[in-house]
Amino acid sequence: MNFDEVDFFDFDDFSLIQGVAMSNALSTWVSAQCRGVLEEEGLMERLIEEKYDVMIVENIDVCGAALSHIVQPESLITTSGSVPIAWMYHEFGLDMALSYNPDSIMEHLDVHSFWSRLTNVFHLTWTMLH
């Protein structure tokens, strides 16, 4: 992958502008990585032939869950090292609970006021569209 450099040490997690820029870059990297795995010649056939009992995937990247639909293991276990990102709630059968779960690109974690909940819905919509 040949993308512009991003300085993760100077990144402000609570900045809307930096959050949007980072999410666009991250989605580009994740998509390229997933495409590379799914298009690697012979890999899917080899994974299917293994007849796995269980597959463990990280939910930050739904490529693993999508891959499990191809590989068809007996069981799928998803893990998370963080809170689910907006679109993950639906993918994993969870309620979104916007009234108290902040979206991943919120500038602050307090979503108890009307305005913060409205901002949360805006961020959620932005995340799901991009």
N, C-alpha and C. Protein backbone atom coordinates (compact mmCIF):
# COMPACT_ATOMS: atom_id res chain seq x y z
N MET A 1 0.85 -1.18 0.00
CA MET A 1 0.00 0.00 0.00
C MET A 1 0.89 1.23 0.00
N ASN A 2 0.58 2.15 -0.84
CA ASN A 2 1.39 3.35 -0.96
C ASN A 2 0.51 4.56 -0.68
N PHE A 3 0.35 4.91 0.60
CA PHE A 3 -0.49 6.03 0.99
C PHE A 3 0.35 7.12 1.66
N ASP A 4 -0.22 8.30 1.76
CA ASP A 4 0.47 9.40 2.44
C ASP A 4 0.74 9.02 3.89
N GLU A 5 1.80 9.54 4.44
CA GLU A 5 2.14 9.27 5.83
C GLU A 5 1.18 10.00 6.76
N VAL A 6 0.82 9.36 7.85
CA VAL A 6 -0.03 9.96 8.88
C VAL A 6 0.73 9.88 10.19
N ASP A 7 0.82 10.98 10.89
CA ASP A 7 1.52 10.99 12.17
C ASP A 7 0.52 10.69 13.28
N PHE A 8 0.48 9.44 13.71
CA PHE A 8 -0.47 9.02 14.72
C PHE A 8 -0.19 9.63 16.09
N PHE A 9 1.05 10.07 16.33
CA PHE A 9 1.39 10.65 17.62
C PHE A 9 0.88 12.07 17.77
N ASP A 10 0.66 12.76 16.67
CA ASP A 10 0.11 14.12 16.70
C ASP A 10 -1.40 14.14 16.50
N PHE A 11 -2.01 12.99 16.34
CA PHE A 11 -3.44 12.90 16.08
C PHE A 11 -4.24 13.19 17.34
N ASP A 12 -5.26 14.04 17.22
CA ASP A 12 -6.14 14.39 18.33
C ASP A 12 -7.43 13.58 18.19
N ASP A 13 -7.63 12.60 19.06
CA ASP A 13 -8.82 11.75 18.98
C ASP A 13 -10.13 12.50 19.10
N PHE A 14 -10.10 13.66 19.73
CA PHE A 14 -11.34 14.40 19.97
C PHE A 14 -11.55 15.55 19.00
N SER A 15 -10.84 15.57 17.90
CA SER A 15 -11.01 16.60 16.88
C SER A 15 -11.86 16.06 15.75
N LEU A 16 -12.98 16.70 15.47
CA LEU A 16 -13.88 16.25 14.41
C LEU A 16 -13.17 16.27 13.06
N ILE A 17 -12.45 17.34 12.78
CA ILE A 17 -11.78 17.47 11.48
C ILE A 17 -10.72 16.38 11.31
N GLN A 18 -9.87 16.20 12.33
CA GLN A 18 -8.85 15.16 12.24
C GLN A 18 -9.49 13.76 12.24
N GLY A 19 -10.58 13.61 12.96
CA GLY A 19 -11.27 12.32 12.99
C GLY A 19 -11.81 11.92 11.63
N VAL A 20 -12.40 12.87 10.92
CA VAL A 20 -12.93 12.59 9.58
C VAL A 20 -11.78 12.26 8.63
N ALA A 21 -10.71 13.05 8.69
CA ALA A 21 -9.55 12.79 7.82
C ALA A 21 -8.95 11.42 8.12
N MET A 22 -8.82 11.08 9.39
CA MET A 22 -8.25 9.80 9.76
C MET A 22 -9.17 8.65 9.36
N SER A 23 -10.49 8.82 9.52
CA SER A 23 -11.40 7.74 9.15
C SER A 23 -11.37 7.49 7.65
N ASN A 24 -11.22 8.54 6.85
CA ASN A 24 -11.12 8.35 5.40
C ASN A 24 -9.85 7.59 5.05
N ALA A 25 -8.72 7.95 5.67
CA ALA A 25 -7.46 7.26 5.41
C ALA A 25 -7.54 5.81 5.88
N LEU A 26 -8.08 5.61 7.08
CA LEU A 26 -8.17 4.26 7.63
C LEU A 26 -9.05 3.37 6.76
N SER A 27 -10.20 3.89 6.30
CA SER A 27 -11.08 3.07 5.47
C SER A 27 -10.41 2.70 4.16
N THR A 28 -9.58 3.60 3.62
CA THR A 28 -8.84 3.29 2.40
C THR A 28 -7.84 2.17 2.65
N TRP A 29 -7.12 2.23 3.76
CA TRP A 29 -6.14 1.20 4.10
C TRP A 29 -6.81 -0.14 4.35
N VAL A 30 -7.89 -0.12 5.13
CA VAL A 30 -8.58 -1.36 5.47
C VAL A 30 -9.18 -2.00 4.22
N SER A 31 -9.76 -1.19 3.35
CA SER A 31 -10.34 -1.72 2.10
C SER A 31 -9.27 -2.35 1.23
N ALA A 32 -8.12 -1.69 1.11
CA ALA A 32 -7.04 -2.23 0.29
C ALA A 32 -6.52 -3.55 0.86
N GLN A 33 -6.40 -3.61 2.19
CA GLN A 33 -5.92 -4.84 2.83
C GLN A 33 -6.92 -5.97 2.62
N CYS A 34 -8.19 -5.68 2.79
CA CYS A 34 -9.24 -6.70 2.64
C CYS A 34 -9.28 -7.20 1.19
N ARG A 35 -9.23 -6.28 0.26
CA ARG A 35 -9.24 -6.64 -1.15
C ARG A 35 -8.04 -7.54 -1.47
N GLY A 36 -6.89 -7.22 -0.90
CA GLY A 36 -5.69 -8.03 -1.11
C GLY A 36 -5.86 -9.45 -0.61
N VAL A 37 -6.47 -9.61 0.56
CA VAL A 37 -6.70 -10.95 1.11
C VAL A 37 -7.69 -11.72 0.26
N LEU A 38 -8.82 -11.10 -0.06
CA LEU A 38 -9.87 -11.80 -0.80
C LEU A 38 -9.47 -12.14 -2.23
N GLU A 39 -8.57 -11.35 -2.82
CA GLU A 39 -8.17 -11.57 -4.21
C GLU A 39 -6.88 -12.37 -4.36
N GLU A 40 -6.26 -12.75 -3.24
CA GLU A 40 -5.02 -13.53 -3.35
C GLU A 40 -5.32 -14.90 -3.96
N GLU A 41 -4.65 -15.19 -5.03
CA GLU A 41 -4.91 -16.39 -5.80
C GLU A 41 -4.75 -17.67 -4.97
N GLY A 42 -5.78 -18.47 -4.93
CA GLY A 42 -5.75 -19.76 -4.25
C GLY A 42 -6.00 -19.72 -2.75
N LEU A 43 -5.98 -18.54 -2.14
CA LEU A 43 -6.12 -18.47 -0.68
C LEU A 43 -7.49 -18.94 -0.21
N MET A 44 -8.56 -18.48 -0.84
CA MET A 44 -9.91 -18.87 -0.40
C MET A 44 -10.09 -20.38 -0.49
N GLU A 45 -9.61 -20.98 -1.57
CA GLU A 45 -9.74 -22.42 -1.74
C GLU A 45 -8.99 -23.17 -0.63
N ARG A 46 -7.78 -22.70 -0.29
CA ARG A 46 -7.00 -23.35 0.78
C ARG A 46 -7.69 -23.21 2.13
N LEU A 47 -8.26 -22.03 2.39
CA LEU A 47 -8.94 -21.82 3.68
C LEU A 47 -10.21 -22.67 3.78
N ILE A 48 -10.94 -22.78 2.70
CA ILE A 48 -12.16 -23.61 2.69
C ILE A 48 -11.81 -25.08 2.91
N GLU A 49 -10.74 -25.54 2.28
CA GLU A 49 -10.32 -26.94 2.41
C GLU A 49 -9.93 -27.31 3.84
N GLU A 50 -9.50 -26.36 4.63
CA GLU A 50 -9.08 -26.63 6.01
C GLU A 50 -10.23 -27.05 6.92
N LYS A 51 -11.47 -26.63 6.57
CA LYS A 51 -12.67 -26.96 7.37
C LYS A 51 -12.47 -26.60 8.85
N TYR A 52 -12.28 -25.30 9.11
CA TYR A 52 -12.00 -24.80 10.46
C TYR A 52 -13.19 -25.01 11.39
N ASP A 53 -12.89 -25.32 12.65
CA ASP A 53 -13.92 -25.44 13.68
C ASP A 53 -14.36 -24.06 14.14
N VAL A 54 -13.41 -23.16 14.30
CA VAL A 54 -13.72 -21.83 14.83
C VAL A 54 -12.85 -20.79 14.12
N MET A 55 -13.41 -19.61 13.99
CA MET A 55 -12.68 -18.49 13.43
C MET A 55 -12.84 -17.33 14.40
N ILE A 56 -11.75 -16.67 14.76
CA ILE A 56 -11.77 -15.54 15.68
C ILE A 56 -11.36 -14.31 14.89
N VAL A 57 -12.23 -13.28 14.90
CA VAL A 57 -11.96 -12.06 14.13
C VAL A 57 -12.15 -10.83 15.01
N GLU A 58 -11.42 -9.79 14.68
CA GLU A 58 -11.54 -8.49 15.36
C GLU A 58 -12.63 -7.70 14.65
N ASN A 59 -13.55 -7.12 15.41
CA ASN A 59 -14.68 -6.45 14.78
C ASN A 59 -14.38 -5.04 14.27
N ILE A 60 -13.16 -4.53 14.47
CA ILE A 60 -12.83 -3.21 13.92
C ILE A 60 -12.80 -3.27 12.40
N ASP A 61 -12.59 -4.47 11.87
CA ASP A 61 -12.51 -4.67 10.42
C ASP A 61 -13.46 -5.80 10.06
N VAL A 62 -14.54 -5.51 9.37
CA VAL A 62 -15.53 -6.54 9.05
C VAL A 62 -15.07 -7.48 7.95
N CYS A 63 -13.87 -7.28 7.45
CA CYS A 63 -13.33 -8.20 6.44
C CYS A 63 -13.24 -9.62 7.01
N GLY A 64 -12.85 -9.74 8.26
CA GLY A 64 -12.76 -11.06 8.89
C GLY A 64 -14.11 -11.74 8.97
N ALA A 65 -15.14 -10.98 9.33
CA ALA A 65 -16.49 -11.55 9.38
C ALA A 65 -16.96 -11.93 7.99
N ALA A 66 -16.66 -11.10 7.00
CA ALA A 66 -17.03 -11.41 5.61
C ALA A 66 -16.28 -12.66 5.15
N LEU A 67 -15.02 -12.76 5.51
CA LEU A 67 -14.22 -13.92 5.16
C LEU A 67 -14.81 -15.19 5.76
N SER A 68 -15.38 -15.08 6.95
CA SER A 68 -15.98 -16.26 7.59
C SER A 68 -17.18 -16.78 6.80
N HIS A 69 -17.87 -15.90 6.07
CA HIS A 69 -18.98 -16.35 5.23
C HIS A 69 -18.47 -17.21 4.07
N ILE A 70 -17.27 -16.93 3.62
CA ILE A 70 -16.67 -17.71 2.54
C ILE A 70 -16.10 -19.02 3.08
N VAL A 71 -15.36 -18.94 4.20
CA VAL A 71 -14.67 -20.09 4.76
C VAL A 71 -15.65 -21.06 5.44
N GLN A 72 -16.75 -20.54 6.01
CA GLN A 72 -17.78 -21.34 6.68
C GLN A 72 -17.24 -22.19 7.84
N PRO A 73 -16.63 -21.54 8.86
CA PRO A 73 -16.21 -22.32 10.03
C PRO A 73 -17.45 -22.77 10.82
N GLU A 74 -17.25 -23.73 11.72
CA GLU A 74 -18.37 -24.18 12.55
C GLU A 74 -18.88 -23.04 13.45
N SER A 75 -17.95 -22.22 13.97
CA SER A 75 -18.31 -21.12 14.87
C SER A 75 -17.50 -19.88 14.52
N LEU A 76 -18.08 -18.73 14.81
CA LEU A 76 -17.40 -17.46 14.61
C LEU A 76 -17.39 -16.71 15.94
N ILE A 77 -16.21 -16.28 16.38
CA ILE A 77 -16.07 -15.49 17.59
C ILE A 77 -15.54 -14.13 17.19
N THR A 78 -16.23 -13.08 17.62
CA THR A 78 -15.76 -11.73 17.33
C THR A 78 -15.21 -11.12 18.61
N THR A 79 -14.17 -10.33 18.47
CA THR A 79 -13.56 -9.67 19.61
C THR A 79 -13.50 -8.18 19.35
N SER A 80 -13.26 -7.42 20.41
CA SER A 80 -13.14 -5.98 20.25
C SER A 80 -12.18 -5.43 21.27
N GLY A 81 -11.27 -4.60 20.79
CA GLY A 81 -10.35 -3.92 21.69
C GLY A 81 -10.82 -2.50 21.98
N SER A 82 -12.01 -2.16 21.48
CA SER A 82 -12.56 -0.82 21.66
C SER A 82 -14.08 -0.90 21.62
N VAL A 83 -14.72 0.24 21.72
CA VAL A 83 -16.17 0.27 21.56
C VAL A 83 -16.50 0.03 20.11
N PRO A 84 -17.66 -0.51 19.80
CA PRO A 84 -18.02 -0.71 18.40
C PRO A 84 -18.17 0.63 17.67
N ILE A 85 -17.76 0.65 16.42
CA ILE A 85 -17.96 1.81 15.56
C ILE A 85 -19.37 1.71 14.99
N ALA A 86 -19.96 2.82 14.62
CA ALA A 86 -21.36 2.94 14.25
C ALA A 86 -21.93 1.76 13.46
N TRP A 87 -21.34 1.44 12.33
CA TRP A 87 -21.90 0.40 11.49
C TRP A 87 -21.76 -0.99 12.08
N MET A 88 -20.91 -1.17 13.07
CA MET A 88 -20.71 -2.49 13.66
C MET A 88 -21.92 -2.95 14.47
N TYR A 89 -22.65 -2.00 15.02
CA TYR A 89 -23.79 -2.38 15.85
C TYR A 89 -24.74 -3.28 15.07
N HIS A 90 -25.09 -2.86 13.88
CA HIS A 90 -26.01 -3.65 13.06
C HIS A 90 -25.37 -4.99 12.67
N GLU A 91 -24.11 -4.95 12.27
CA GLU A 91 -23.40 -6.15 11.83
C GLU A 91 -23.39 -7.23 12.91
N PHE A 92 -23.33 -6.81 14.18
CA PHE A 92 -23.22 -7.77 15.27
C PHE A 92 -24.50 -7.89 16.10
N GLY A 93 -25.60 -7.35 15.57
CA GLY A 93 -26.89 -7.51 16.22
C GLY A 93 -27.06 -6.74 17.52
N LEU A 94 -26.40 -5.59 17.65
CA LEU A 94 -26.50 -4.78 18.86
C LEU A 94 -27.39 -3.56 18.63
N ASP A 95 -28.06 -3.09 19.69
CA ASP A 95 -28.78 -1.84 19.61
C ASP A 95 -27.79 -0.69 19.65
N MET A 96 -28.07 0.39 18.92
CA MET A 96 -27.11 1.48 18.83
C MET A 96 -27.14 2.40 20.04
N ALA A 97 -28.27 2.58 20.65
CA ALA A 97 -28.38 3.38 21.88
C ALA A 97 -27.67 4.72 21.78
N LEU A 98 -28.08 5.53 20.84
CA LEU A 98 -27.44 6.83 20.61
C LEU A 98 -27.57 7.77 21.79
N SER A 99 -28.51 7.51 22.66
CA SER A 99 -28.69 8.42 23.79
C SER A 99 -27.55 8.32 24.81
N TYR A 100 -26.81 7.23 24.81
CA TYR A 100 -25.71 7.14 25.76
C TYR A 100 -24.43 6.53 25.20
N ASN A 101 -24.42 6.02 23.99
CA ASN A 101 -23.19 5.51 23.38
C ASN A 101 -22.68 6.51 22.36
N PRO A 102 -21.58 7.18 22.65
CA PRO A 102 -21.05 8.14 21.68
C PRO A 102 -20.48 7.44 20.46
N ASP A 103 -20.66 8.06 19.30
CA ASP A 103 -20.07 7.54 18.09
C ASP A 103 -18.55 7.65 18.18
N SER A 104 -17.85 6.89 17.38
CA SER A 104 -16.39 6.83 17.49
C SER A 104 -15.68 8.12 17.13
N ILE A 105 -16.33 9.04 16.39
CA ILE A 105 -15.65 10.29 16.04
C ILE A 105 -16.19 11.49 16.81
N MET A 106 -16.90 11.23 17.92
CA MET A 106 -17.38 12.33 18.76
C MET A 106 -16.20 13.07 19.38
N GLU A 107 -16.34 14.38 19.50
CA GLU A 107 -15.28 15.19 20.10
C GLU A 107 -15.21 15.03 21.61
N HIS A 108 -16.28 14.56 22.21
CA HIS A 108 -16.30 14.33 23.66
C HIS A 108 -17.17 13.12 23.93
N LEU A 109 -17.08 12.59 25.11
CA LEU A 109 -17.81 11.36 25.44
C LEU A 109 -19.15 11.61 26.12
N ASP A 110 -19.48 12.84 26.39
CA ASP A 110 -20.74 13.17 27.06
C ASP A 110 -21.84 13.34 26.02
N VAL A 111 -22.79 12.43 25.97
CA VAL A 111 -23.90 12.53 25.03
C VAL A 111 -25.23 12.62 25.78
N HIS A 112 -25.24 13.37 26.86
CA HIS A 112 -26.44 13.44 27.68
C HIS A 112 -27.30 14.65 27.40
N SER A 113 -26.76 15.69 26.80
CA SER A 113 -27.60 16.85 26.50
C SER A 113 -28.24 16.67 25.12
N PHE A 114 -29.27 17.47 24.85
CA PHE A 114 -29.95 17.41 23.56
C PHE A 114 -28.98 17.66 22.42
N TRP A 115 -28.13 18.70 22.55
CA TRP A 115 -27.20 19.06 21.47
C TRP A 115 -26.13 18.00 21.27
N SER A 116 -25.66 17.42 22.35
CA SER A 116 -24.64 16.39 22.18
C SER A 116 -25.24 15.13 21.54
N ARG A 117 -26.50 14.83 21.86
CA ARG A 117 -27.16 13.69 21.22
C ARG A 117 -27.40 13.97 19.73
N LEU A 118 -27.77 15.20 19.41
CA LEU A 118 -27.97 15.60 18.01
C LEU A 118 -26.64 15.52 17.25
N THR A 119 -25.57 15.98 17.87
CA THR A 119 -24.24 15.88 17.26
C THR A 119 -23.85 14.42 17.08
N ASN A 120 -24.18 13.60 18.05
CA ASN A 120 -23.90 12.18 17.97
C ASN A 120 -24.60 11.55 16.76
N VAL A 121 -25.86 11.92 16.54
CA VAL A 121 -26.59 11.40 15.38
C VAL A 121 -25.93 11.87 14.08
N PHE A 122 -25.49 13.13 14.05
CA PHE A 122 -24.79 13.65 12.87
C PHE A 122 -23.51 12.85 12.62
N HIS A 123 -22.72 12.62 13.66
CA HIS A 123 -21.48 11.86 13.51
C HIS A 123 -21.76 10.44 13.06
N LEU A 124 -22.79 9.82 13.64
CA LEU A 124 -23.16 8.47 13.26
C LEU A 124 -23.51 8.42 11.77
N THR A 125 -24.31 9.38 11.32
CA THR A 125 -24.70 9.44 9.92
C THR A 125 -23.47 9.61 9.04
N TRP A 126 -22.57 10.51 9.42
CA TRP A 126 -21.34 10.75 8.66
C TRP A 126 -20.51 9.47 8.57
N THR A 127 -20.37 8.78 9.71
CA THR A 127 -19.58 7.55 9.75
C THR A 127 -20.17 6.49 8.85
N MET A 128 -21.49 6.33 8.89
CA MET A 128 -22.12 5.27 8.11
C MET A 128 -22.10 5.57 6.61
N LEU A 129 -22.07 6.83 6.23
CA LEU A 129 -22.04 7.20 4.82
C LEU A 129 -20.63 7.12 4.23
N HIS A 130 -19.63 7.11 5.11
CA HIS A 130 -18.25 7.09 4.60
C HIS A 130 -17.64 5.82 4.98
